[in-house]
Amino acid sequence: MWHDLWVAMALLLVLEGVWPFLSPDSMRQMLLMVAQQENRSLRISGLISMICGVLLLYLVN
């Protein structure tokens, strides 16, 4: 189980690094836009992301 968790974390880091590696300027612009968002909208997008992740895990397993 722990092995699978570390593999998932490693894949997450690889996927998270693709965008800034390929296009650092657009990544910087996106981060500036996110910094200007309200807390409520960031929380809602985080909640949606977590729900999608849980649903994807359920479908895969």
Protein backbone atom coordinates (compact mmCIF):
# COMPACT_ATOMS: atom_id res chain seq x y z
CA MET A 1 0.00 0.00 0.00
CA TRP A 2 2.74 2.47 0.93
CA HIS A 3 4.54 1.66 -2.30
CA ASP A 4 1.43 2.57 -4.31
CA LEU A 5 1.10 5.84 -2.41
CA TRP A 6 4.72 6.79 -3.19
CA VAL A 7 4.22 5.87 -6.86
CA ALA A 8 1.12 8.07 -6.99
CA MET A 9 2.99 10.96 -5.38
CA ALA A 10 5.86 10.58 -7.84
CA LEU A 11 3.46 10.61 -10.80
CA LEU A 12 1.75 13.67 -9.36
CA LEU A 13 5.08 15.51 -9.19
CA VAL A 14 5.90 14.54 -12.77
CA LEU A 15 2.52 15.74 -14.04
CA GLU A 16 2.69 18.95 -11.99
CA GLY A 17 6.11 19.73 -13.47
CA VAL A 18 5.13 19.41 -17.14
CA TRP A 19 3.37 22.77 -17.48
CA PRO A 20 6.03 25.00 -15.88
CA PHE A 21 8.72 23.12 -17.82
CA LEU A 22 7.00 23.57 -21.19
CA SER A 23 5.59 27.06 -20.71
CA PRO A 24 6.86 28.97 -17.65
CA ASP A 25 5.42 32.31 -18.83
CA SER A 26 1.85 31.01 -19.09
CA MET A 27 2.27 29.28 -15.72
CA ARG A 28 3.34 32.57 -14.14
CA GLN A 29 0.33 34.39 -15.67
CA MET A 30 -2.04 31.71 -14.42
CA LEU A 31 -0.61 31.94 -10.89
CA LEU A 32 -1.12 35.70 -10.92
CA MET A 33 -4.77 35.22 -11.92
CA VAL A 34 -5.27 32.60 -9.19
CA ALA A 35 -3.77 34.96 -6.60
CA GLN A 36 -6.49 37.49 -7.46
CA GLN A 37 -9.36 35.02 -6.96
CA GLU A 38 -11.57 35.12 -3.89
CA ASN A 39 -11.12 32.47 -1.20
CA ARG A 40 -14.60 31.12 -1.85
CA SER A 41 -13.92 30.37 -5.52
CA LEU A 42 -10.58 28.73 -4.68
CA ARG A 43 -12.26 26.54 -2.07
CA ILE A 44 -15.00 25.53 -4.50
CA SER A 45 -12.46 24.62 -7.19
CA GLY A 46 -10.46 22.64 -4.60
CA LEU A 47 -13.60 20.79 -3.51
CA ILE A 48 -14.50 19.97 -7.12
CA SER A 49 -10.96 18.73 -7.71
CA MET A 50 -11.09 16.48 -4.64
CA ILE A 51 -14.49 15.07 -5.63
CA CYS A 52 -13.25 14.34 -9.16
CA GLY A 53 -10.19 12.62 -7.71
CA VAL A 54 -12.27 10.44 -5.41
CA LEU A 55 -14.63 9.53 -8.25
CA LEU A 56 -11.68 8.66 -10.49
CA LEU A 57 -10.18 6.47 -7.76
CA TYR A 58 -13.53 4.73 -7.34
CA LEU A 59 -13.84 4.08 -11.07
CA VAL A 60 -10.27 2.84 -11.42
CA ASN A 61 -10.54 0.46 -8.47
